Every structure is written in C-alpha cells, then in structure tokens.
PDB file of N, CA and C in Angstrom:
ATOM      1  N   UNK A   1      40.891  85.642 248.331  1.00  0.00           N
ATOM      2  CA  UNK A   1      40.977  86.829 248.626  1.00  0.00           C
ATOM      3  C   UNK A   1      40.151  87.727 249.554  1.00  0.00           C
ATOM      4  N   UNK A   2      40.800  88.372 250.280  1.00  0.00           N
ATOM      5  CA  UNK A   2      40.032  89.135 251.166  1.00  0.00           C
ATOM      6  C   UNK A   2      39.141  90.006 250.613  1.00  0.00           C
ATOM      7  N   UNK A   3      38.090  90.385 251.392  1.00  0.00           N
ATOM      8  CA  UNK A   3      37.096  91.526 251.234  1.00  0.00           C
ATOM      9  C   UNK A   3      37.038  92.901 251.986  1.00  0.00           C
ATOM     10  N   UNK A   4      37.124  93.624 251.620  1.00  0.00           N
ATOM     11  CA  UNK A   4      37.639  94.819 252.320  1.00  0.00           C
ATOM     12  C   UNK A   4      35.976  95.715 252.255  1.00  0.00           C
ATOM     13  N   UNK A   5      35.656  96.166 253.606  1.00  0.00           N
ATOM     14  CA  UNK A   5      34.741  96.855 254.225  1.00  0.00           C
ATOM     15  C   UNK A   5      34.693  97.834 253.866  1.00  0.00           C
ATOM     16  N   UNK A   6      33.669  98.904 253.034  1.00  0.00           N
ATOM     17  CA  UNK A   6      33.737  99.891 252.435  1.00  0.00           C
ATOM     18  C   UNK A   6      33.279 101.026 253.487  1.00  0.00           C
ATOM     19  N   UNK A   7      34.358 101.925 253.608  1.00  0.00           N
ATOM     20  CA  UNK A   7      34.130 102.855 254.413  1.00  0.00           C
ATOM     21  C   UNK A   7      32.698 103.955 254.183  1.00  0.00           C
ATOM     22  N   UNK A   8      31.872 104.205 255.609  1.00  0.00           N
ATOM     23  CA  UNK A   8      30.906 104.642 255.492  1.00  0.00           C
ATOM     24  C   UNK A   8      31.452 106.123 255.509  1.00  0.00           C
ATOM     25  N   UNK A   9      30.719 106.905 254.640  1.00  0.00           N
ATOM     26  CA  UNK A   9      31.333 108.363 254.114  1.00  0.00           C
ATOM     27  C   UNK A   9      30.220 109.005 255.104  1.00  0.00           C
ATOM     28  N   UNK A  10      30.358 110.061 256.217  1.00  0.00           N
ATOM     29  CA  UNK A  10      30.167 110.399 256.727  1.00  0.00           C
ATOM     30  C   UNK A  10      29.757 112.151 255.860  1.00  0.00           C
ATOM     31  N   UNK A  11      28.871 112.373 256.112  1.00  0.00           N
ATOM     32  CA  UNK A  11      28.106 113.640 254.992  1.00  0.00           C
ATOM     33  C   UNK A  11      28.318 114.565 256.848  1.00  0.00           C
ATOM     34  N   UNK A  12      29.637 115.842 255.575  1.00  0.00           N
ATOM     35  CA  UNK A  12      30.303 117.046 256.857  1.00  0.00           C
ATOM     36  C   UNK A  12      29.297 118.223 256.245  1.00  0.00           C
ATOM     37  N   UNK A  13      29.072 118.433 257.106  1.00  0.00           N
ATOM     38  CA  UNK A  13      28.578 120.202 257.407  1.00  0.00           C
ATOM     39  C   UNK A  13      29.535 121.025 257.509  1.00  0.00           C
ATOM     40  N   UNK A  14      29.130 121.793 256.731  1.00  0.00           N
ATOM     41  CA  UNK A  14      30.144 123.068 256.819  1.00  0.00           C
ATOM     42  C   UNK A  14      29.970 124.128 257.897  1.00  0.00           C
ATOM     43  N   UNK A  15      30.835 124.082 258.550  1.00  0.00           N
ATOM     44  CA  UNK A  15      30.615 125.044 259.373  1.00  0.00           C
ATOM     45  C   UNK A  15      30.060 126.503 259.646  1.00  0.00           C
ATOM     46  N   UNK A  16      29.314 127.145 260.242  1.00  0.00           N
ATOM     47  CA  UNK A  16      28.889 128.374 260.189  1.00  0.00           C
ATOM     48  C   UNK A  16      29.080 129.118 261.526  1.00  0.00           C
ATOM     49  N   UNK A  17      29.482 130.093 261.787  1.00  0.00           N
ATOM     50  CA  UNK A  17      30.296 130.370 263.041  1.00  0.00           C
ATOM     51  C   UNK A  17      29.261 131.380 263.554  1.00  0.00           C
ATOM     52  N   UNK A  18      27.861 132.125 262.824  1.00  0.00           N
ATOM     53  CA  UNK A  18      27.084 132.817 263.092  1.00  0.00           C
ATOM     54  C   UNK A  18      26.639 131.897 264.178  1.00  0.00           C
ATOM     55  N   UNK A  19      25.810 130.740 263.382  1.00  0.00           N
ATOM     56  CA  UNK A  19      24.959 129.199 264.190  1.00  0.00           C
ATOM     57  C   UNK A  19      25.471 129.289 264.956  1.00  0.00           C
ATOM     58  N   UNK A  20      26.883 128.888 264.782  1.00  0.00           N
ATOM     59  CA  UNK A  20      27.729 128.104 266.336  1.00  0.00           C
ATOM     60  C   UNK A  20      27.610 129.792 267.504  1.00  0.00           C
ATOM     61  N   UNK A  21      27.465 130.832 267.352  1.00  0.00           N
ATOM     62  CA  UNK A  21      27.704 132.012 268.003  1.00  0.00           C
ATOM     63  C   UNK A  21      26.350 131.749 268.987  1.00  0.00           C
ATOM     64  N   UNK A  22      25.099 131.571 267.751  1.00  0.00           N
ATOM     65  CA  UNK A  22      23.459 131.817 268.811  1.00  0.00           C
ATOM     66  C   UNK A  22      23.814 130.563 269.472  1.00  0.00           C
ATOM     67  N   UNK A  23      23.835 129.201 269.089  1.00  0.00           N
ATOM     68  CA  UNK A  23      23.571 128.669 270.069  1.00  0.00           C
ATOM     69  C   UNK A  23      24.761 128.513 270.861  1.00  0.00           C
ATOM     70  N   UNK A  24      25.633 128.821 270.992  1.00  0.00           N
ATOM     71  CA  UNK A  24      26.670 129.392 272.295  1.00  0.00           C
ATOM     72  C   UNK A  24      25.544 130.084 273.389  1.00  0.00           C
ATOM     73  N   UNK A  25      25.114 131.402 272.632  1.00  0.00           N
ATOM     74  CA  UNK A  25      24.628 132.538 273.375  1.00  0.00           C
ATOM     75  C   UNK A  25      23.125 131.737 274.163  1.00  0.00           C
ATOM     76  N   UNK A  26      22.564 130.599 273.001  1.00  0.00           N
ATOM     77  CA  UNK A  26      21.107 130.296 274.051  1.00  0.00           C
ATOM     78  C   UNK A  26      21.266 129.178 275.148  1.00  0.00           C
ATOM     79  N   UNK A  27      22.804 128.629 274.576  1.00  0.00           N
ATOM     80  CA  UNK A  27      22.975 127.520 276.164  1.00  0.00           C
ATOM     81  C   UNK A  27      23.457 128.035 277.251  1.00  0.00           C
ATOM     82  N   UNK A  28      24.276 129.431 277.116  1.00  0.00           N
ATOM     83  CA  UNK A  28      25.547 129.891 278.120  1.00  0.00           C
ATOM     84  C   UNK A  28      24.612 130.820 278.589  1.00  0.00           C
ATOM     85  N   UNK A  29      24.322 131.967 277.728  1.00  0.00           N
ATOM     86  CA  UNK A  29      23.793 132.912 277.874  1.00  0.00           C
ATOM     87  C   UNK A  29      25.101 133.995 277.389  1.00  0.00           C
ATOM     88  N   UNK A  30      26.002 134.222 278.198  1.00  0.00           N
ATOM     89  CA  UNK A  30      26.857 135.393 277.932  1.00  0.00           C
ATOM     90  C   UNK A  30      27.938 134.794 278.567  1.00  0.00           C
ATOM     91  N   UNK A  31      29.555 134.867 277.957  1.00  0.00           N
ATOM     92  CA  UNK A  31      30.895 135.064 279.014  1.00  0.00           C
ATOM     93  C   UNK A  31      30.524 135.596 280.301  1.00  0.00           C
ATOM     94  N   UNK A  32      29.902 136.583 280.582  1.00  0.00           N
ATOM     95  CA  UNK A  32      30.336 137.171 281.876  1.00  0.00           C
ATOM     96  C   UNK A  32      28.871 136.264 282.433  1.00  0.00           C
ATOM     97  N   UNK A  33      28.153 135.953 282.343  1.00  0.00           N
ATOM     98  CA  UNK A  33      27.360 134.786 282.721  1.00  0.00           C
ATOM     99  C   UNK A  33      27.972 133.495 283.314  1.00  0.00           C
ATOM    100  N   UNK A  34      28.727 133.066 281.889  1.00  0.00           N
ATOM    101  CA  UNK A  34      29.441 132.281 282.543  1.00  0.00           C
ATOM    102  C   UNK A  34      30.561 132.246 283.725  1.00  0.00           C
ATOM    103  N   UNK A  35      30.913 132.960 283.647  1.00  0.00           N
ATOM    104  CA  UNK A  35      32.191 133.390 285.196  1.00  0.00           C
ATOM    105  C   UNK A  35      31.410 133.959 286.014  1.00  0.00           C
ATOM    106  N   UNK A  36      30.429 134.205 286.498  1.00  0.00           N
ATOM    107  CA  UNK A  36      29.482 134.650 287.241  1.00  0.00           C
ATOM    108  C   UNK A  36      28.961 133.132 288.165  1.00  0.00           C
ATOM    109  N   UNK A  37      28.630 131.959 286.609  1.00  0.00           N
ATOM    110  CA  UNK A  37      28.111 130.890 287.527  1.00  0.00           C
ATOM    111  C   UNK A  37      29.814 130.314 288.296  1.00  0.00           C
ATOM    112  N   UNK A  38      30.614 130.348 287.331  1.00  0.00           N
ATOM    113  CA  UNK A  38      32.037 129.732 287.936  1.00  0.00           C
ATOM    114  C   UNK A  38      32.458 130.180 289.579  1.00  0.00           C
ATOM    115  N   UNK A  39      32.077 131.224 289.592  1.00  0.00           N
ATOM    116  CA  UNK A  39      32.601 131.762 290.631  1.00  0.00           C
ATOM    117  C   UNK A  39      31.228 131.332 292.047  1.00  0.00           C
ATOM    118  N   UNK A  40      30.897 130.677 291.692  1.00  0.00           N
ATOM    119  CA  UNK A  40      29.871 130.048 292.956  1.00  0.00           C
ATOM    120  C   UNK A  40      29.738 128.868 293.144  1.00  0.00           C
ATOM    121  N   UNK A  41      29.787 128.435 294.583  1.00  0.00           N
ATOM    122  CA  UNK A  41      30.522 127.309 295.196  1.00  0.00           C
ATOM    123  C   UNK A  41      29.389 126.149 294.189  1.00  0.00           C
ATOM    124  N   UNK A  42      30.165 125.000 294.167  1.00  0.00           N
ATOM    125  CA  UNK A  42      29.491 123.329 293.833  1.00  0.00           C
ATOM    126  C   UNK A  42      28.015 123.337 294.501  1.00  0.00           C
ATOM    127  N   UNK A  43      26.886 123.191 294.429  1.00  0.00           N
ATOM    128  CA  UNK A  43      25.674 123.044 294.702  1.00  0.00           C
ATOM    129  C   UNK A  43      25.215 121.829 295.259  1.00  0.00           C
ATOM    130  N   UNK A  44      26.189 120.732 295.072  1.00  0.00           N
ATOM    131  CA  UNK A  44      26.077 119.447 295.903  1.00  0.00           C
ATOM    132  C   UNK A  44      26.669 119.771 297.791  1.00  0.00           C
ATOM    133  N   UNK A  45      25.488 119.381 298.302  1.00  0.00           N
ATOM    134  CA  UNK A  45      25.772 120.150 299.649  1.00  0.00           C
ATOM    135  C   UNK A  45      26.918 119.206 300.181  1.00  0.00           C
ATOM    136  N   UNK A  46      27.634 118.184 299.949  1.00  0.00           N
ATOM    137  CA  UNK A  46      28.511 117.759 300.855  1.00  0.00           C
ATOM    138  C   UNK A  46      29.781 118.056 300.528  1.00  0.00           C
ATOM    139  N   UNK A  47      29.848 118.763 299.631  1.00  0.00           N
ATOM    140  CA  UNK A  47      31.017 119.311 298.954  1.00  0.00           C
ATOM    141  C   UNK A  47      31.514 120.413 299.174  1.00  0.00           C
ATOM    142  N   UNK A  48      33.008 120.472 299.598  1.00  0.00           N
ATOM    143  CA  UNK A  48      33.820 121.330 300.178  1.00  0.00           C
ATOM    144  C   UNK A  48      35.004 121.574 299.083  1.00  0.00           C
ATOM    145  N   UNK A  49      34.909 121.461 298.174  1.00  0.00           N
ATOM    146  CA  UNK A  49      36.066 121.432 297.404  1.00  0.00           C
ATOM    147  C   UNK A  49      36.420 123.558 297.285  1.00  0.00           C
ATOM    148  N   UNK A  50      37.572 123.704 296.736  1.00  0.00           N
ATOM    149  CA  UNK A  50      37.807 124.961 296.503  1.00  0.00           C
ATOM    150  C   UNK A  50      38.117 125.542 295.343  1.00  0.00           C
ATOM    151  N   UNK A  51      37.802 124.146 294.439  1.00  0.00           N
ATOM    152  CA  UNK A  51      38.422 124.730 292.766  1.00  0.00           C
ATOM    153  C   UNK A  51      36.913 125.661 292.269  1.00  0.00           C
ATOM    154  N   UNK A  52      37.463 125.916 291.425  1.00  0.00           N
ATOM    155  CA  UNK A  52      35.937 126.859 290.391  1.00  0.00           C
ATOM    156  C   UNK A  52      34.841 125.773 290.006  1.00  0.00           C
ATOM    157  N   UNK A  53      33.587 126.075 289.997  1.00  0.00           N
ATOM    158  CA  UNK A  53      33.032 125.757 289.442  1.00  0.00           C
ATOM    159  C   UNK A  53      32.852 125.485 288.144  1.00  0.00           C
ATOM    160  N   UNK A  54      32.364 124.385 287.114  1.00  0.00           N
ATOM    161  CA  UNK A  54      31.683 124.194 285.753  1.00  0.00           C
ATOM    162  C   UNK A  54      30.236 124.631 285.870  1.00  0.00           C
ATOM    163  N   UNK A  55      30.033 125.282 284.624  1.00  0.00           N
ATOM    164  CA  UNK A  55      28.666 125.549 284.510  1.00  0.00           C
ATOM    165  C   UNK A  55      28.022 124.229 283.506  1.00  0.00           C
ATOM    166  N   UNK A  56      26.833 123.583 284.383  1.00  0.00           N
ATOM    167  CA  UNK A  56      26.502 122.364 284.143  1.00  0.00           C
ATOM    168  C   UNK A  56      25.167 122.677 283.995  1.00  0.00           C
ATOM    169  N   UNK A  57      24.626 121.508 282.938  1.00  0.00           N
ATOM    170  CA  UNK A  57      23.023 121.965 282.547  1.00  0.00           C
ATOM    171  C   UNK A  57      22.019 120.935 283.115  1.00  0.00           C
ATOM    172  N   UNK A  58      21.144 121.214 283.783  1.00  0.00           N
ATOM    173  CA  UNK A  58      20.355 120.628 284.876  1.00  0.00           C
ATOM    174  C   UNK A  58      19.400 119.491 283.754  1.00  0.00           C
ATOM    175  N   UNK A  59      19.187 119.680 282.198  1.00  0.00           N
ATOM    176  CA  UNK A  59      18.702 118.872 281.380  1.00  0.00           C
ATOM    177  C   UNK A  59      19.130 119.159 280.015  1.00  0.00           C
ATOM    178  N   UNK A  60      18.672 118.113 279.403  1.00  0.00           N
ATOM    179  CA  UNK A  60      19.208 118.741 277.967  1.00  0.00           C
ATOM    180  C   UNK A  60      18.095 119.307 277.022  1.00  0.00           C
ATOM    181  N   UNK A  61      18.393 120.019 275.922  1.00  0.00           N
ATOM    182  CA  UNK A  61      17.302 120.796 274.914  1.00  0.00           C
ATOM    183  C   UNK A  61      16.928 119.895 274.307  1.00  0.00           C
ATOM    184  N   UNK A  62      17.023 118.476 274.471  1.00  0.00           N
ATOM    185  CA  UNK A  62      17.004 117.225 272.932  1.00  0.00           C
ATOM    186  C   UNK A  62      17.656 116.635 272.903  1.00  0.00           C
ATOM    187  N   UNK A  63      17.795 115.947 271.491  1.00  0.00           N
ATOM    188  CA  UNK A  63      19.170 115.347 271.182  1.00  0.00           C
ATOM    189  C   UNK A  63      19.790 116.245 270.874  1.00  0.00           C
ATOM    190  N   UNK A  64      20.974 115.599 271.402  1.00  0.00           N
ATOM    191  CA  UNK A  64      22.494 116.509 270.835  1.00  0.00           C
ATOM    192  C   UNK A  64      22.280 117.749 271.159  1.00  0.00           C
ATOM    193  N   UNK A  65      21.585 118.025 272.045  1.00  0.00           N
ATOM    194  CA  UNK A  65      21.339 119.969 272.170  1.00  0.00           C
ATOM    195  C   UNK A  65      21.665 120.211 273.679  1.00  0.00           C
ATOM    196  N   UNK A  66      22.008 120.867 274.349  1.00  0.00           N
ATOM    197  CA  UNK A  66      22.346 121.791 275.620  1.00  0.00           C
ATOM    198  C   UNK A  66      21.283 122.736 276.124  1.00  0.00           C
ATOM    199  N   UNK A  67      20.480 122.672 277.386  1.00  0.00           N
ATOM    200  CA  UNK A  67      19.423 123.039 277.255  1.00  0.00           C
ATOM    201  C   UNK A  67      19.847 124.491 277.545  1.00  0.00           C
ATOM    202  N   UNK A  68      18.602 125.572 277.586  1.00  0.00           N
ATOM    203  CA  UNK A  68      18.982 126.731 277.313  1.00  0.00           C
ATOM    204  C   UNK A  68      19.794 127.392 278.520  1.00  0.00           C
ATOM    205  N   UNK A  69      20.107 128.563 278.996  1.00  0.00           N
ATOM    206  CA  UNK A  69      21.061 129.272 279.971  1.00  0.00           C
ATOM    207  C   UNK A  69      20.351 129.274 281.335  1.00  0.00           C
ATOM    208  N   UNK A  70      18.869 128.808 280.972  1.00  0.00           N
ATOM    209  CA  UNK A  70      18.651 129.383 282.738  1.00  0.00           C
ATOM    210  C   UNK A  70      17.887 128.202 283.115  1.00  0.00           C
ATOM    211  N   UNK A  71      18.952 127.068 282.314  1.00  0.00           N
ATOM    212  CA  UNK A  71      19.314 125.439 283.019  1.00  0.00           C
ATOM    213  C   UNK A  71      20.289 125.285 284.189  1.00  0.00           C
ATOM    214  N   UNK A  72      21.266 126.210 284.278  1.00  0.00           N
ATOM    215  CA  UNK A  72      22.686 126.176 284.076  1.00  0.00           C
ATOM    216  C   UNK A  72      22.863 126.124 285.803  1.00  0.00           C
ATOM    217  N   UNK A  73      23.230 125.134 286.674  1.00  0.00           N
ATOM    218  CA  UNK A  73      23.781 125.358 287.696  1.00  0.00           C
ATOM    219  C   UNK A  73      25.407 125.486 288.333  1.00  0.00           C
ATOM    220  N   UNK A  74      26.037 125.719 288.966  1.00  0.00           N
ATOM    221  CA  UNK A  74      27.543 125.299 288.965  1.00  0.00           C
ATOM    222  C   UNK A  74      27.687 124.016 290.013  1.00  0.00           C
ATOM    223  N   UNK A  75      28.324 123.139 289.378  1.00  0.00           N
ATOM    224  CA  UNK A  75      29.203 121.853 290.033  1.00  0.00           C
ATOM    225  C   UNK A  75      30.318 122.308 289.524  1.00  0.00           C
ATOM    226  N   UNK A  76      31.515 121.531 290.807  1.00  0.00           N
ATOM    227  CA  UNK A  76      32.657 121.002 290.580  1.00  0.00           C
ATOM    228  C   UNK A  76      32.629 120.154 289.904  1.00  0.00           C
ATOM    229  N   UNK A  77      34.015 120.323 289.080  1.00  0.00           N
ATOM    230  CA  UNK A  77      34.423 119.170 288.386  1.00  0.00           C
ATOM    231  C   UNK A  77      34.077 117.726 288.390  1.00  0.00           C
ATOM    232  N   UNK A  78      34.206 117.199 289.387  1.00  0.00           N
ATOM    233  CA  UNK A  78      33.999 116.171 290.218  1.00  0.00           C
ATOM    234  C   UNK A  78      32.607 115.894 289.829  1.00  0.00           C
ATOM    235  N   UNK A  79      31.592 116.553 290.365  1.00  0.00           N
ATOM    236  CA  UNK A  79      30.373 116.653 290.380  1.00  0.00           C
ATOM    237  C   UNK A  79      29.891 116.725 288.941  1.00  0.00           C
ATOM    238  N   UNK A  80      30.250 117.715 288.240  1.00  0.00           N
ATOM    239  CA  UNK A  80      30.106 117.616 286.735  1.00  0.00           C
ATOM    240  C   UNK A  80      29.988 116.163 286.470  1.00  0.00           C
ATOM    241  N   UNK A  81      31.489 115.742 286.353  1.00  0.00           N
ATOM    242  CA  UNK A  81      31.913 114.605 285.789  1.00  0.00           C
ATOM    243  C   UNK A  81      30.807 113.663 285.971  1.00  0.00           C
ATOM    244  N   UNK A  82      30.567 113.444 287.362  1.00  0.00           N
ATOM    245  CA  UNK A  82      29.810 112.118 288.165  1.00  0.00           C
ATOM    246  C   UNK A  82      28.258 112.550 287.452  1.00  0.00           C
ATOM    247  N   UNK A  83      27.741 113.586 287.449  1.00  0.00           N
ATOM    248  CA  UNK A  83      26.253 113.573 286.839  1.00  0.00           C
ATOM    249  C   UNK A  83      26.514 113.060 285.482  1.00  0.00           C
ATOM    250  N   UNK A  84      27.486 113.496 284.746  1.00  0.00           N
ATOM    251  CA  UNK A  84      27.007 112.725 283.443  1.00  0.00           C
ATOM    252  C   UNK A  84      27.801 111.865 282.518  1.00  0.00           C
ATOM    253  N   UNK A  85      28.156 111.009 284.117  1.00  0.00           N
ATOM    254  CA  UNK A  85      28.819 109.448 284.223  1.00  0.00           C
ATOM    255  C   UNK A  85      27.072 108.629 284.576  1.00  0.00           C
ATOM    256  N   UNK A  86      26.712 109.035 285.475  1.00  0.00           N
ATOM    257  CA  UNK A  86      25.585 108.318 285.894  1.00  0.00           C
ATOM    258  C   UNK A  86      24.098 108.739 285.933  1.00  0.00           C
ATOM    259  N   UNK A  87      23.999 109.826 285.183  1.00  0.00           N
ATOM    260  CA  UNK A  87      22.743 110.470 284.994  1.00  0.00           C
ATOM    261  C   UNK A  87      21.967 110.933 285.835  1.00  0.00           C
ATOM    262  N   UNK A  88      21.152 112.154 285.585  1.00  0.00           N
ATOM    263  CA  UNK A  88      20.463 112.970 286.377  1.00  0.00           C
ATOM    264  C   UNK A  88      19.658 112.385 287.459  1.00  0.00           C
ATOM    265  N   UNK A  89      18.841 111.596 287.238  1.00  0.00           N
ATOM    266  CA  UNK A  89      18.106 110.859 288.309  1.00  0.00           C
ATOM    267  C   UNK A  89      18.906 109.999 288.949  1.00  0.00           C
ATOM    268  N   UNK A  90      20.160 109.278 289.137  1.00  0.00           N
ATOM    269  CA  UNK A  90      20.761 108.693 290.054  1.00  0.00           C
ATOM    270  C   UNK A  90      21.612 109.630 290.671  1.00  0.00           C
ATOM    271  N   UNK A  91      22.038 110.634 290.041  1.00  0.00           N
ATOM    272  CA  UNK A  91      22.451 111.907 290.999  1.00  0.00           C
ATOM    273  C   UNK A  91      22.079 112.625 291.772  1.00  0.00           C
ATOM    274  N   UNK A  92      20.553 112.916 291.237  1.00  0.00           N
ATOM    275  CA  UNK A  92      19.754 113.638 292.369  1.00  0.00           C
ATOM    276  C   UNK A  92      19.170 112.520 293.533  1.00  0.00           C
ATOM    277  N   UNK A  93      19.176 111.500 292.933  1.00  0.00           N
ATOM    278  CA  UNK A  93      19.132 110.475 294.408  1.00  0.00           C
ATOM    279  C   UNK A  93      20.194 110.090 295.346  1.00  0.00           C
ATOM    280  N   UNK A  94      21.373 110.504 294.714  1.00  0.00           N
ATOM    281  CA  UNK A  94      22.500 110.381 295.581  1.00  0.00           C
ATOM    282  C   UNK A  94      22.902 111.080 296.328  1.00  0.00           C
ATOM    283  N   UNK A  95      22.773 112.545 295.925  1.00  0.00           N
ATOM    284  CA  UNK A  95      22.682 113.504 296.618  1.00  0.00           C
ATOM    285  C   UNK A  95      22.050 114.338 297.477  1.00  0.00           C
ATOM    286  N   UNK A  96      20.925 113.547 296.943  1.00  0.00           N
ATOM    287  CA  UNK A  96      19.606 115.124 297.877  1.00  0.00           C
ATOM    288  C   UNK A  96      19.410 116.270 297.082  1.00  0.00           C
ATOM    289  N   UNK A  97      19.593 116.056 295.793  1.00  0.00           N
ATOM    290  CA  UNK A  97      19.159 117.364 295.669  1.00  0.00           C
ATOM    291  C   UNK A  97      18.187 117.495 294.500  1.00  0.00           C
ATOM    292  N   UNK A  98      17.589 118.271 293.878  1.00  0.00           N
ATOM    293  CA  UNK A  98      16.927 118.901 292.663  1.00  0.00           C
ATOM    294  C   UNK A  98      17.917 119.859 292.189  1.00  0.00           C
ATOM    295  N   UNK A  99      18.513 119.343 290.749  1.00  0.00           N
ATOM    296  CA  UNK A  99      19.152 120.106 289.995  1.00  0.00           C
ATOM    297  C   UNK A  99      17.858 121.179 289.056  1.00  0.00           C
ATOM    298  N   UNK A 100      16.963 120.722 288.932  1.00  0.00           N
ATOM    299  CA  UNK A 100      16.220 121.898 288.053  1.00  0.00           C
ATOM    300  C   UNK A 100      15.733 123.346 289.452  1.00  0.00           C
ATOM    301  N   UNK A 101      16.070 123.062 290.548  1.00  0.00           N
ATOM    302  CA  UNK A 101      15.469 123.691 291.555  1.00  0.00           C
ATOM    303  C   UNK A 101      16.723 124.654 291.648  1.00  0.00           C
ATOM    304  N   UNK A 102      18.145 123.665 291.708  1.00  0.00           N
ATOM    305  CA  UNK A 102      19.201 124.737 291.968  1.00  0.00           C
ATOM    306  C   UNK A 102      19.815 125.334 290.680  1.00  0.00           C
ATOM    307  N   UNK A 103      19.267 124.949 289.409  1.00  0.00           N
ATOM    308  CA  UNK A 103      19.230 125.797 288.273  1.00  0.00           C
ATOM    309  C   UNK A 103      18.201 127.290 288.493  1.00  0.00           C
ATOM    310  N   UNK A 104      16.966 126.891 288.799  1.00  0.00           N
ATOM    311  CA  UNK A 104      16.611 127.993 289.537  1.00  0.00           C
ATOM    312  C   UNK A 104      16.668 128.858 290.379  1.00  0.00           C
ATOM    313  N   UNK A 105      17.501 128.555 291.479  1.00  0.00           N
ATOM    314  CA  UNK A 105      18.558 129.468 292.330  1.00  0.00           C
ATOM    315  C   UNK A 105      19.200 130.559 291.659  1.00  0.00           C
ATOM    316  N   UNK A 106      20.364 129.106 291.158  1.00  0.00           N
ATOM    317  CA  UNK A 106      21.233 130.076 289.444  1.00  0.00           C
ATOM    318  C   UNK A 106      20.790 131.474 289.285  1.00  0.00           C
ATOM    319  N   UNK A 107      19.529 131.051 288.686  1.00  0.00           N
ATOM    320  CA  UNK A 107      19.055 132.209 287.613  1.00  0.00           C
ATOM    321  C   UNK A 107      18.417 133.288 288.327  1.00  0.00           C
ATOM    322  N   UNK A 108      17.908 133.315 289.836  1.00  0.00           N
ATOM    323  CA  UNK A 108      17.595 134.115 290.557  1.00  0.00           C
ATOM    324  C   UNK A 108      18.772 135.186 290.618  1.00  0.00           C
ATOM    325  N   UNK A 109      19.558 134.372 291.645  1.00  0.00           N
ATOM    326  CA  UNK A 109      21.327 135.288 291.774  1.00  0.00           C
ATOM    327  C   UNK A 109      21.956 135.874 290.724  1.00  0.00           C
ATOM    328  N   UNK A 110      21.536 135.371 289.821  1.00  0.00           N
ATOM    329  CA  UNK A 110      22.067 135.859 288.186  1.00  0.00           C
ATOM    330  C   UNK A 110      21.075 137.023 288.394  1.00  0.00           C
ATOM    331  N   UNK A 111      19.534 136.963 288.048  1.00  0.00           N
ATOM    332  CA  UNK A 111      19.147 138.330 288.073  1.00  0.00           C
ATOM    333  C   UNK A 111      19.178 139.559 289.210  1.00  0.00           C
ATOM    334  N   UNK A 112      19.141 138.689 290.601  1.00  0.00           N
ATOM    335  CA  UNK A 112      19.769 139.744 291.459  1.00  0.00           C
ATOM    336  C   UNK A 112      20.921 140.556 291.153  1.00  0.00           C
ATOM    337  N   UNK A 113      21.822 139.933 290.967  1.00  0.00           N
ATOM    338  CA  UNK A 113      23.048 140.766 290.914  1.00  0.00           C
ATOM    339  C   UNK A 113      23.756 141.492 289.790  1.00  0.00           C
ATOM    340  N   UNK A 114      22.141 141.414 288.748  1.00  0.00           N
ATOM    341  CA  UNK A 114      22.911 142.678 287.503  1.00  0.00           C
ATOM    342  C   UNK A 114      23.913 142.008 286.702  1.00  0.00           C
ATOM    343  N   UNK A 115      24.051 143.096 285.777  1.00  0.00           N
ATOM    344  CA  UNK A 115      25.169 142.533 284.573  1.00  0.00           C
ATOM    345  C   UNK A 115      26.435 143.536 285.512  1.00  0.00           C
ATOM    346  N   UNK A 116      27.474 142.403 284.902  1.00  0.00           N
ATOM    347  CA  UNK A 116      29.027 142.859 285.129  1.00  0.00           C
ATOM    348  C   UNK A 116      29.715 143.074 284.250  1.00  0.00           C
ATOM    349  N   UNK A 117      29.876 144.303 283.459  1.00  0.00           N
ATOM    350  CA  UNK A 117      30.139 144.478 282.566  1.00  0.00           C
ATOM    351  C   UNK A 117      31.597 145.245 282.526  1.00  0.00           C
ATOM    352  N   UNK A 118      32.379 144.893 283.449  1.00  0.00           N
ATOM    353  CA  UNK A 118      33.950 145.010 283.872  1.00  0.00           C
ATOM    354  C   UNK A 118      34.795 143.419 284.114  1.00  0.00           C
ATOM    355  N   UNK A 119      33.823 142.600 283.973  1.00  0.00           N
ATOM    356  CA  UNK A 119      34.660 141.348 284.441  1.00  0.00           C
ATOM    357  C   UNK A 119      34.769 140.967 282.707  1.00  0.00           C
ATOM    358  N   UNK A 120      36.101 140.235 282.430  1.00  0.00           N
ATOM    359  CA  UNK A 120      36.726 140.010 281.102  1.00  0.00           C
ATOM    360  C   UNK A 120      36.831 138.590 281.246  1.00  0.00           C
ATOM    361  N   UNK A 121      36.604 137.662 280.256  1.00  0.00           N
ATOM    362  CA  UNK A 121      36.517 136.428 279.700  1.00  0.00           C
ATOM    363  C   UNK A 121      37.712 136.288 279.345  1.00  0.00           C
TER     364      UNK A 121
END
C-alpha cells in the first residue's frame, strides 16, 4: 500500500487592510510620489529607453520587507528585473553605479519638486 504524504497546513493570517495600507505608505510614500519617480528616467547611465520607469528599492527593509520610501530610485523594467535577478552588488559593479546614491538623488529631486496634488493615480 502506498503511503500518502501529509500536506503541511500553512497558517494563513487574516487580511488587515489598515496594516497593508500603512506598509504601502511606508515603502512607497504616496501615489503621487510613485508617479513622480516613474516619470524620471532610468538611472543606469547607458540606458536610453523611453519606457516609463519603475520604483525600485535600493535596499531591503529586512527579511521579506521593502525598504522605506527614501530608498527608491527609478529603473526601467529591464534593469529593475536585472537588479532582482543578479543582486545589488553585482548590478552596481556591472553598471558602475551606486544605488543608494541614486536613491538619495531621487529623494532630493522629490523634496525640490514639492507636492503635486493635481496628479491622479
């Protein structure tokens, strides 16, 4: 007789919309900020894409957690996927950039621009 493997039962946490909203706000700032960063060009020097940039986090906020909004930089989809595929150190070495410095530049640009209440997400 075949022995059947028992399925492991994952403990599923109930969804908490308030917690999810506060985590999103911590990681991305606001919808206006997401649009602002997406409008910036890709920070990889040799990239000449005309695509809209994505909000890429320069570091992590810990295990399975995104970093805070001040660690975001604009990357095109191709470079964002490459960053996740090869890791931060290899990406920085390959393209000759410092992701944290790019995130600081993005934060500076955001503070210089001020608030844009007329943008819609």
